[in-house]
C-alpha atoms as a PDB file:
ATOM      1  CA  MET A   1       0.284   0.012   0.407  1.00  0.00           C
ATOM      2  CA  ASN A   2       1.222   3.525  -1.345  1.00  0.00           C
ATOM      3  CA  SER A   3       1.902   6.138   1.471  1.00  0.00           C
ATOM      4  CA  LEU A   4      -0.175   8.374   0.020  1.00  0.00           C
ATOM      5  CA  LEU A   5      -3.636   5.275   0.545  1.00  0.00           C
ATOM      6  CA  ARG A   6      -2.328   4.519   4.366  1.00  0.00           C
ATOM      7  CA  LEU A   7      -2.406   8.695   5.390  1.00  0.00           C
ATOM      8  CA  PHE A   8      -6.038   8.161   3.996  1.00  0.00           C
ATOM      9  CA  PHE A   9      -6.929   5.240   5.759  1.00  0.00           C
ATOM     10  CA  SER A  10      -4.649   6.806   9.080  1.00  0.00           C
ATOM     11  CA  ILE A  11      -6.836   9.750   9.088  1.00  0.00           C
ATOM     12  CA  CYS A  12     -10.321   8.146   8.588  1.00  0.00           C
ATOM     13  CA  LEU A  13     -10.038   6.269  11.397  1.00  0.00           C
ATOM     14  CA  LEU A  14      -8.549   9.202  13.266  1.00  0.00           C
ATOM     15  CA  SER A  15     -11.779  10.540  12.826  1.00  0.00           C
ATOM     16  CA  ILE A  16     -13.962   7.903  13.750  1.00  0.00           C
ATOM     17  CA  SER A  17     -15.533   8.534  16.973  1.00  0.00           C
ATOM     18  CA  PHE A  18     -16.197   5.104  19.345  1.00  0.00           C
ATOM     19  CA  SER A  19     -19.057   5.543  22.632  1.00  0.00           C
ATOM     20  CA  VAL A  20     -17.522   4.054  25.470  1.00  0.00           C
ATOM     21  CA  SER A  21     -18.645   3.393  29.126  1.00  0.00           C
ATOM     22  CA  ALA A  22     -16.590   6.228  30.516  1.00  0.00           C
ATOM     23  CA  ALA A  23     -17.804   5.138  34.130  1.00  0.00           C
ATOM     24  CA  THR A  24     -19.600   2.254  36.095  1.00  0.00           C
ATOM     25  CA  VAL A  25     -21.726   2.906  38.747  1.00  0.00           C
ATOM     26  CA  ALA A  26     -22.494   0.474  41.569  1.00  0.00           C
ATOM     27  CA  ILE A  27     -26.016  -0.151  43.197  1.00  0.00           C
ATOM     28  CA  GLN A  28     -24.951  -1.107  46.397  1.00  0.00           C
ATOM     29  CA  ASN A  29     -25.449  -0.530  50.240  1.00  0.00           C
ATOM     30  CA  PHE A  30     -28.957   1.643  48.842  1.00  0.00           C
ATOM     31  CA  ALA A  31     -26.978   4.318  47.280  1.00  0.00           C
ATOM     32  CA  PHE A  32     -26.202   4.931  44.141  1.00  0.00           C
ATOM     33  CA  THR A  33     -22.060   5.474  43.899  1.00  0.00           C
ATOM     34  CA  PRO A  34     -20.827   8.241  42.474  1.00  0.00           C
ATOM     35  CA  ALA A  35     -23.695   9.501  43.317  1.00  0.00           C
ATOM     36  CA  VAL A  36     -22.506  12.163  40.878  1.00  0.00           C
ATOM     37  CA  ILE A  37     -20.476  11.213  37.824  1.00  0.00           C
ATOM     38  CA  THR A  38     -19.648  13.879  34.607  1.00  0.00           C
ATOM     39  CA  VAL A  39     -18.580  12.312  31.117  1.00  0.00           C
ATOM     40  CA  ASN A  40     -18.356  13.276  27.890  1.00  0.00           C
ATOM     41  CA  LEU A  41     -21.167  13.569  24.544  1.00  0.00           C
ATOM     42  CA  GLY A  42     -22.110  10.582  23.418  1.00  0.00           C
ATOM     43  CA  ASP A  43     -20.013   8.261  26.716  1.00  0.00           C
ATOM     44  CA  SER A  44     -21.522   5.369  27.918  1.00  0.00           C
ATOM     45  CA  VAL A  45     -22.700   4.879  31.922  1.00  0.00           C
ATOM     46  CA  THR A  46     -22.931   1.812  33.288  1.00  0.00           C
ATOM     47  CA  TRP A  47     -24.769   0.429  36.682  1.00  0.00           C
ATOM     48  CA  ILE A  48     -24.753  -2.819  37.918  1.00  0.00           C
ATOM     49  CA  ASN A  49     -26.462  -3.576  40.852  1.00  0.00           C
ATOM     50  CA  LYS A  50     -24.880  -5.001  43.462  1.00  0.00           C
ATOM     51  CA  ASP A  51     -27.425  -5.549  46.111  1.00  0.00           C
ATOM     52  CA  ALA A  52     -29.965  -8.261  47.306  1.00  0.00           C
ATOM     53  CA  ALA A  53     -32.410  -6.139  46.361  1.00  0.00           C
ATOM     54  CA  PRO A  54     -34.002  -5.117  43.332  1.00  0.00           C
ATOM     55  CA  HIS A  55     -32.951  -1.096  42.455  1.00  0.00           C
ATOM     56  CA  SER A  56     -33.984   0.790  39.527  1.00  0.00           C
ATOM     57  CA  THR A  57     -32.725   4.331  37.436  1.00  0.00           C
ATOM     58  CA  THR A  58     -35.822   5.898  36.713  1.00  0.00           C
ATOM     59  CA  GLN A  59     -34.878   9.092  35.451  1.00  0.00           C
ATOM     60  CA  THR A  60     -36.581  12.044  37.166  1.00  0.00           C
ATOM     61  CA  ASP A  61     -38.345  13.362  33.929  1.00  0.00           C
ATOM     62  CA  ASN A  62     -39.551  10.023  33.314  1.00  0.00           C
ATOM     63  CA  LEU A  63     -36.673  10.126  30.286  1.00  0.00           C
ATOM     64  CA  TRP A  64     -35.655   6.544  31.212  1.00  0.00           C
ATOM     65  CA  SER A  65     -36.582   4.061  33.455  1.00  0.00           C
ATOM     66  CA  ASN A  66     -34.593   0.818  33.620  1.00  0.00           C
ATOM     67  CA  ASP A  67     -35.301  -2.011  36.661  1.00  0.00           C
ATOM     68  CA  LEU A  68     -32.139  -4.388  37.686  1.00  0.00           C
ATOM     69  CA  THR A  69     -32.217  -7.097  39.818  1.00  0.00           C
ATOM     70  CA  PRO A  70     -29.205  -8.182  42.035  1.00  0.00           C
ATOM     71  CA  GLY A  71     -27.065  -9.118  39.977  1.00  0.00           C
ATOM     72  CA  GLN A  72     -28.106  -7.344  36.538  1.00  0.00           C
ATOM     73  CA  SER A  73     -26.006  -4.005  34.939  1.00  0.00           C
ATOM     74  CA  ILE A  74     -27.368  -1.832  33.007  1.00  0.00           C
ATOM     75  CA  SER A  75     -26.010   0.759  29.849  1.00  0.00           C
ATOM     76  CA  ARG A  76     -27.332   3.893  28.621  1.00  0.00           C
ATOM     77  CA  GLU A  77     -25.362   6.415  26.170  1.00  0.00           C
ATOM     78  CA  PHE A  78     -25.967   9.671  26.657  1.00  0.00           C
ATOM     79  CA  THR A  79     -26.083  11.897  23.420  1.00  0.00           C
ATOM     80  CA  THR A  80     -27.073  15.142  25.036  1.00  0.00           C
ATOM     81  CA  ALA A  81     -25.706  17.567  26.711  1.00  0.00           C
ATOM     82  CA  GLY A  82     -27.491  18.798  30.011  1.00  0.00           C
ATOM     83  CA  THR A  83     -28.102  17.715  33.610  1.00  0.00           C
ATOM     84  CA  PHE A  84     -29.867  14.629  34.485  1.00  0.00           C
ATOM     85  CA  THR A  85     -31.030  13.128  37.706  1.00  0.00           C
ATOM     86  CA  TYR A  86     -32.293   9.512  38.213  1.00  0.00           C
ATOM     87  CA  HIS A  87     -33.708   7.555  41.348  1.00  0.00           C
ATOM     88  CA  CYS A  88     -34.400   4.051  42.594  1.00  0.00           C
ATOM     89  CA  ARG A  89     -38.489   3.595  41.720  1.00  0.00           C
ATOM     90  CA  PHE A  90     -38.684   1.536  44.930  1.00  0.00           C
ATOM     91  CA  HIS A  91     -36.468   3.397  46.926  1.00  0.00           C
ATOM     92  CA  PRO A  92     -37.040   7.204  46.563  1.00  0.00           C
ATOM     93  CA  SER A  93     -34.131   7.641  48.663  1.00  0.00           C
ATOM     94  CA  MET A  94     -31.708   6.488  46.532  1.00  0.00           C
ATOM     95  CA  THR A  95     -30.618   9.884  43.588  1.00  0.00           C
ATOM     96  CA  GLY A  96     -28.072  10.286  41.461  1.00  0.00           C
ATOM     97  CA  THR A  97     -27.089  12.698  38.607  1.00  0.00           C
ATOM     98  CA  ILE A  98     -25.421  12.219  34.895  1.00  0.00           C
ATOM     99  CA  LYS A  99     -23.402  15.448  33.708  1.00  0.00           C
ATOM    100  CA  VAL A 100     -23.005  15.109  29.529  1.00  0.00           C
ATOM    101  CA  ARG A 101     -20.663  17.866  28.993  1.00  0.00           C
ATOM    102  CA  ASN A 102     -21.735  19.869  25.740  1.00  0.00           C
ATOM    103  CA  ALA A 103     -20.028  18.955  21.865  1.00  0.00           C
ATOM    104  CA  ASP A 104     -17.165  21.220  22.985  1.00  0.00           C
ATOM    105  CA  GLN A 105     -16.431  20.738  25.715  1.00  0.00           C
ATOM    106  CA  SER A 106     -16.109  17.711  25.634  1.00  0.00           C
ATOM    107  CA  ARG A 107     -13.016  17.821  22.726  1.00  0.00           C
ATOM    108  CA  ILE A 108     -11.520  20.570  25.071  1.00  0.00           C
ATOM    109  CA  ASN A 109     -11.680  17.512  28.259  1.00  0.00           C
ATOM    110  CA  ILE A 110     -10.514  14.875  25.873  1.00  0.00           C
ATOM    111  CA  GLY A 111      -8.034  16.602  24.334  1.00  0.00           C
ATOM    112  CA  GLN A 112      -6.482  17.754  27.603  1.00  0.00           C
ATOM    113  CA  SER A 113      -6.959  13.672  28.622  1.00  0.00           C
ATOM    114  CA  MET A 114      -4.545  12.733  26.368  1.00  0.00           C
ATOM    115  CA  ILE A 115      -1.840  15.029  28.197  1.00  0.00           C
ATOM    116  CA  ALA A 116      -2.665  15.118  31.588  1.00  0.00           C
ATOM    117  CA  ALA A 117      -4.251  11.952  32.298  1.00  0.00           C
ATOM    118  CA  ALA A 118      -2.947   8.968  33.204  1.00  0.00           C
ATOM    119  CA  PRO A 119      -2.164   6.796  31.858  1.00  0.00           C
ATOM    120  CA  LYS A 120      -0.796   9.800  29.528  1.00  0.00           C
ATOM    121  CA  ALA A 121      -1.310   8.723  25.466  1.00  0.00           C
ATOM    122  CA  LEU A 122       0.992  11.563  25.248  1.00  0.00           C
ATOM    123  CA  PRO A 123       3.777  12.772  27.850  1.00  0.00           C
ATOM    124  CA  ILE A 124       4.753  16.289  27.360  1.00  0.00           C
ATOM    125  CA  LYS A 125       4.218  19.467  29.170  1.00  0.00           C
ATOM    126  CA  LEU A 126       2.585  21.638  27.621  1.00  0.00           C
ATOM    127  CA  ASN A 127       3.655  25.717  28.302  1.00  0.00           C
ATOM    128  CA  LEU A 128       0.078  27.584  29.177  1.00  0.00           C
ATOM    129  CA  ALA A 129       1.852  31.307  29.845  1.00  0.00           C
ATOM    130  CA  GLY A 130       0.112  33.822  28.588  1.00  0.00           C
ATOM    131  CA  LYS A 131      -2.542  31.405  27.015  1.00  0.00           C
ATOM    132  CA  VAL A 132      -6.034  30.047  27.312  1.00  0.00           C
ATOM    133  CA  ALA A 133      -6.251  26.517  28.330  1.00  0.00           C
ATOM    134  CA  SER A 134      -9.473  25.914  26.370  1.00  0.00           C
ATOM    135  CA  ASP A 135      -8.533  26.685  23.493  1.00  0.00           C
ATOM    136  CA  VAL A 136      -4.640  24.677  23.559  1.00  0.00           C
ATOM    137  CA  TYR A 137      -7.026  21.893  24.693  1.00  0.00           C
ATOM    138  CA  MET A 138      -9.821  22.041  21.194  1.00  0.00           C
ATOM    139  CA  GLY A 139      -6.429  22.228  19.802  1.00  0.00           C
ATOM    140  CA  SER A 140      -4.945  19.017  21.491  1.00  0.00           C
ATOM    141  CA  TYR A 141      -7.951  17.418  20.712  1.00  0.00           C
ATOM    142  CA  ILE A 142      -7.951  18.092  16.831  1.00  0.00           C
ATOM    143  CA  VAL A 143      -4.243  17.433  15.976  1.00  0.00           C
ATOM    144  CA  ASN A 144      -4.188  14.537  18.138  1.00  0.00           C
ATOM    145  CA  ALA A 145      -6.996  12.899  17.659  1.00  0.00           C
ATOM    146  CA  GLN A 146      -9.337  13.954  14.631  1.00  0.00           C
ATOM    147  CA  ALA A 147      -6.806  15.069  12.196  1.00  0.00           C
ATOM    148  CA  GLY A 148      -3.143  12.558  13.086  1.00  0.00           C
ATOM    149  CA  CYS A 149      -1.476  15.019  12.470  1.00  0.00           C
ATOM    150  CA  ALA A 150       1.873  12.364  14.679  1.00  0.00           C
ATOM    151  CA  ASN A 151       1.110  10.348  11.088  1.00  0.00           C
ATOM    152  CA  CYS A 152       3.318  12.247   9.003  1.00  0.00           C
ATOM    153  CA  HIS A 153       5.031  14.440  11.456  1.00  0.00           C
ATOM    154  CA  SER A 154       6.228  12.538  14.244  1.00  0.00           C
ATOM    155  CA  CYS A 155       9.409  10.107  12.995  1.00  0.00           C
ATOM    156  CA  PRO A 156       8.844   7.839  14.238  1.00  0.00           C
ATOM    157  CA  THR A 157       4.941   8.123  15.018  1.00  0.00           C
ATOM    158  CA  TYR A 158       4.935   6.203  18.522  1.00  0.00           C
ATOM    159  CA  ALA A 159       7.347   5.588  21.363  1.00  0.00           C
ATOM    160  CA  ALA A 160       9.509   1.604  21.337  1.00  0.00           C
ATOM    161  CA  GLY A 161       6.428  -0.596  22.717  1.00  0.00           C
ATOM    162  CA  HIS A 162       3.860   1.752  22.295  1.00  0.00           C
ATOM    163  CA  ASN A 163       2.575   0.862  18.578  1.00  0.00           C
ATOM    164  CA  PRO A 164      -1.406  -0.023  19.202  1.00  0.00           C
ATOM    165  CA  TYR A 165      -0.875  -1.162  15.472  1.00  0.00           C
ATOM    166  CA  ASN A 166       1.234  -4.121  17.158  1.00  0.00           C
ATOM    167  CA  GLY A 167      -1.222  -4.391  20.348  1.00  0.00           C
ATOM    168  CA  GLU A 168       0.511  -1.998  22.176  1.00  0.00           C
ATOM    169  CA  ALA A 169      -1.137   0.252  24.405  1.00  0.00           C
ATOM    170  CA  LYS A 170      -0.631   4.066  22.820  1.00  0.00           C
ATOM    171  CA  GLN A 171       1.639   6.416  23.734  1.00  0.00           C
ATOM    172  CA  PHE A 172       3.081   8.995  21.110  1.00  0.00           C
ATOM    173  CA  ASN A 173       6.764   9.189  20.891  1.00  0.00           C
ATOM    174  CA  ALA A 174       7.154  12.701  22.910  1.00  0.00           C
ATOM    175  CA  ALA A 175      11.081  12.642  22.638  1.00  0.00           C
ATOM    176  CA  SER A 176      10.404  13.857  18.437  1.00  0.00           C
ATOM    177  CA  TYR A 177       6.909  14.740  18.502  1.00  0.00           C
ATOM    178  CA  LEU A 178       5.273  16.476  15.297  1.00  0.00           C
ATOM    179  CA  ALA A 179       9.497  17.975  14.818  1.00  0.00           C
ATOM    180  CA  GLY A 180       8.306  16.252  11.270  1.00  0.00           C
ATOM    181  CA  GLY A 181      11.954  14.309   9.296  1.00  0.00           C
ATOM    182  CA  VAL A 182       8.889  11.776   7.423  1.00  0.00           C
ATOM    183  CA  GLN A 183       9.660  10.837   4.261  1.00  0.00           C
ATOM    184  CA  ILE A 184       6.347  10.635   2.236  1.00  0.00           C
ATOM    185  CA  GLU A 185       6.544  10.623  -1.781  1.00  0.00           C
ATOM    186  CA  GLY A 186      10.280  11.937  -1.996  1.00  0.00           C
ATOM    187  CA  LEU A 187       8.627  14.402   0.275  1.00  0.00           C
ATOM    188  CA  VAL A 188      10.103  15.435   3.662  1.00  0.00           C
ATOM    189  CA  SER A 189       7.465  16.668   6.721  1.00  0.00           C
ATOM    190  CA  PRO A 190       8.679  20.032   7.917  1.00  0.00           C
ATOM    191  CA  ASN A 191       8.782  20.585  12.005  1.00  0.00           C
ATOM    192  CA  LEU A 192       6.789  22.023  13.688  1.00  0.00           C
ATOM    193  CA  THR A 193       7.135  22.496  16.658  1.00  0.00           C
ATOM    194  CA  PRO A 194       7.816  26.193  18.227  1.00  0.00           C
ATOM    195  CA  ASP A 195      11.132  27.855  17.092  1.00  0.00           C
ATOM    196  CA  ALA A 196      13.006  30.402  19.437  1.00  0.00           C
ATOM    197  CA  ASN A 197      10.209  32.724  19.117  1.00  0.00           C
ATOM    198  CA  GLY A 198       7.145  30.552  20.674  1.00  0.00           C
ATOM    199  CA  LYS A 199       6.519  30.455  16.135  1.00  0.00           C
ATOM    200  CA  PRO A 200       5.001  26.324  15.178  1.00  0.00           C
ATOM    201  CA  ALA A 201       7.540  25.813  12.317  1.00  0.00           C
ATOM    202  CA  GLY A 202       8.743  29.543  12.185  1.00  0.00           C
ATOM    203  CA  LEU A 203       4.927  30.743  11.023  1.00  0.00           C
ATOM    204  CA  THR A 204       2.711  33.239  12.644  1.00  0.00           C
ATOM    205  CA  ARG A 205      -1.067  33.047  13.302  1.00  0.00           C
ATOM    206  CA  ALA A 206      -1.753  34.414   9.627  1.00  0.00           C
ATOM    207  CA  GLU A 207       1.239  32.664   7.797  1.00  0.00           C
ATOM    208  CA  PHE A 208      -0.501  29.755   9.039  1.00  0.00           C
ATOM    209  CA  LYS A 209      -4.029  30.263   8.642  1.00  0.00           C
ATOM    210  CA  ASP A 210      -3.185  30.979   5.191  1.00  0.00           C
ATOM    211  CA  LEU A 211      -1.112  27.752   4.401  1.00  0.00           C
ATOM    212  CA  LEU A 212      -3.845  25.285   5.384  1.00  0.00           C
ATOM    213  CA  ARG A 213      -6.097  27.334   3.657  1.00  0.00           C
ATOM    214  CA  SER A 214      -4.040  27.687   0.535  1.00  0.00           C
ATOM    215  CA  GLY A 215      -1.536  25.267   0.643  1.00  0.00           C
ATOM    216  CA  HIS A 216       0.915  28.386  -0.628  1.00  0.00           C
ATOM    217  CA  ASP A 217       4.443  27.385   0.842  1.00  0.00           C
ATOM    218  CA  PRO A 218       5.608  30.267   3.411  1.00  0.00           C
ATOM    219  CA  ASP A 219       9.191  29.416   2.270  1.00  0.00           C
ATOM    220  CA  VAL A 220       9.443  29.353  -1.451  1.00  0.00           C
ATOM    221  CA  PRO A 221       6.836  31.818  -2.790  1.00  0.00           C
ATOM    222  CA  GLY A 222       4.518  30.647  -5.458  1.00  0.00           C
ATOM    223  CA  ARG A 223       5.022  27.347  -4.580  1.00  0.00           C
ATOM    224  CA  THR A 224       1.843  24.810  -3.574  1.00  0.00           C
ATOM    225  CA  LEU A 225       2.599  22.319  -0.939  1.00  0.00           C
ATOM    226  CA  GLN A 226       2.756  18.382  -2.152  1.00  0.00           C
ATOM    227  CA  VAL A 227       1.278  15.871  -0.724  1.00  0.00           C
ATOM    228  CA  MET A 228       0.155  17.899   2.999  1.00  0.00           C
ATOM    229  CA  PRO A 229      -3.944  17.299   2.774  1.00  0.00           C
ATOM    230  CA  TRP A 230      -4.534  20.978   2.950  1.00  0.00           C
ATOM    231  CA  PRO A 231      -7.230  21.177   0.546  1.00  0.00           C
ATOM    232  CA  ILE A 232      -9.545  19.302   3.233  1.00  0.00           C
ATOM    233  CA  PHE A 233      -7.956  20.787   6.948  1.00  0.00           C
ATOM    234  CA  GLY A 234      -8.444  24.085   5.165  1.00  0.00           C
ATOM    235  CA  GLN A 235     -12.021  23.781   5.493  1.00  0.00           C
ATOM    236  CA  MET A 236     -11.750  23.879   9.425  1.00  0.00           C
ATOM    237  CA  SER A 237     -13.527  27.363  10.970  1.00  0.00           C
ATOM    238  CA  ASP A 238     -11.266  29.810  12.066  1.00  0.00           C
ATOM    239  CA  ASN A 239     -11.856  28.805  14.911  1.00  0.00           C
ATOM    240  CA  ASP A 240     -10.715  25.325  14.967  1.00  0.00           C
ATOM    241  CA  LEU A 241      -7.741  26.673  13.451  1.00  0.00           C
ATOM    242  CA  ASN A 242      -7.042  29.060  15.865  1.00  0.00           C
ATOM    243  CA  ALA A 243      -7.154  26.663  18.198  1.00  0.00           C
ATOM    244  CA  ILE A 244      -4.464  24.418  16.459  1.00  0.00           C
ATOM    245  CA  TYR A 245      -2.137  27.272  15.902  1.00  0.00           C
ATOM    246  CA  ALA A 246      -2.356  27.890  20.205  1.00  0.00           C
ATOM    247  CA  TYR A 247      -1.428  24.291  20.398  1.00  0.00           C
ATOM    248  CA  LEU A 248       0.829  23.851  18.632  1.00  0.00           C
ATOM    249  CA  THR A 249       2.618  27.036  19.998  1.00  0.00           C
ATOM    250  CA  SER A 250       2.479  25.286  23.704  1.00  0.00           C
ATOM    251  CA  ILE A 251       3.948  21.392  22.842  1.00  0.00           C
ATOM    252  CA  PRO A 252       7.768  21.796  23.428  1.00  0.00           C
ATOM    253  CA  LYS A 253      10.576  22.110  21.015  1.00  0.00           C
ATOM    254  CA  ALA A 254      12.171  18.636  19.912  1.00  0.00           C
ATOM    255  CA  VAL A 255      14.721  18.992  16.678  1.00  0.00           C
ATOM    256  CA  THR A 256      14.180  16.323  13.486  1.00  0.00           C
ATOM    257  CA  PRO A 257      16.066  13.235  14.000  1.00  0.00           C
ATOM    258  CA  THR A 258      18.600  12.812  11.295  1.00  0.00           C
ATOM    259  CA  THR A 259      17.568   9.679   9.849  1.00  0.00           C
ATOM    260  CA  ALA A 260      13.973   9.681   8.092  1.00  0.00           C
ATOM    261  CA  CYS A 261      10.874   7.470   8.715  1.00  0.00           C
ATOM    262  CA  THR A 262       8.683   6.189   6.384  1.00  0.00           C
ATOM    263  CA  ILE A 263       4.522   6.435   7.210  1.00  0.00           C
ATOM    264  CA  GLY A 264       3.756   3.362   9.422  1.00  0.00           C
ATOM    265  CA  GLN A 265       6.806   3.532  11.660  1.00  0.00           C
END
């Protein structure tokens, strides 16, 4: 499979989101534990009845009601943002609350969790000085969970022993994260990390956005960038591109490896 086709499949796979069971609520000792949980939009919550008595999860506004016999479990996916209170219809004093983040809050949370939550998918330290943290974390989500930038700009993409394609726990290569050095169709990807002035790839925000919108090579006037999927990424909103730029200004400076990688390494 040639590198462009592999890149296409990588981007497509990274753009798919999956519903996961983000939290488990134990029904035990006639209580919901934890009583209050916060999840991302699209996540599922699982309740497990560990008592010897039957219980239910009955939403206050009758949006749902499920009875659980002892030992039984049930999961519910939350596709609407908001706060949902519920109780046990057999034992009304038992109450619980599910808080569901909206779409942007969910993306920001995921972008932050990839770096801050254990196990860390990306063990780097961000420089948030003078920046809006939510913008940076939104950029992290777009760069790491949607655009797949590390596939073409990190050599290698994953840390040793952490390549998910080999069945290993995923962890991005922090040492040369987004430092370029990946060979694609005879070209080598550039270093996207901040320069001495804090500008990613040496670009101002205006230059960065123009590059993504038009494909104009900032280093060679009149030349259009090849291989890089700027016709696709350039359709992002200004808000998204600004978030990506904020994130790239926050990541650690890294040196481009002297030996080039190829897609998939």
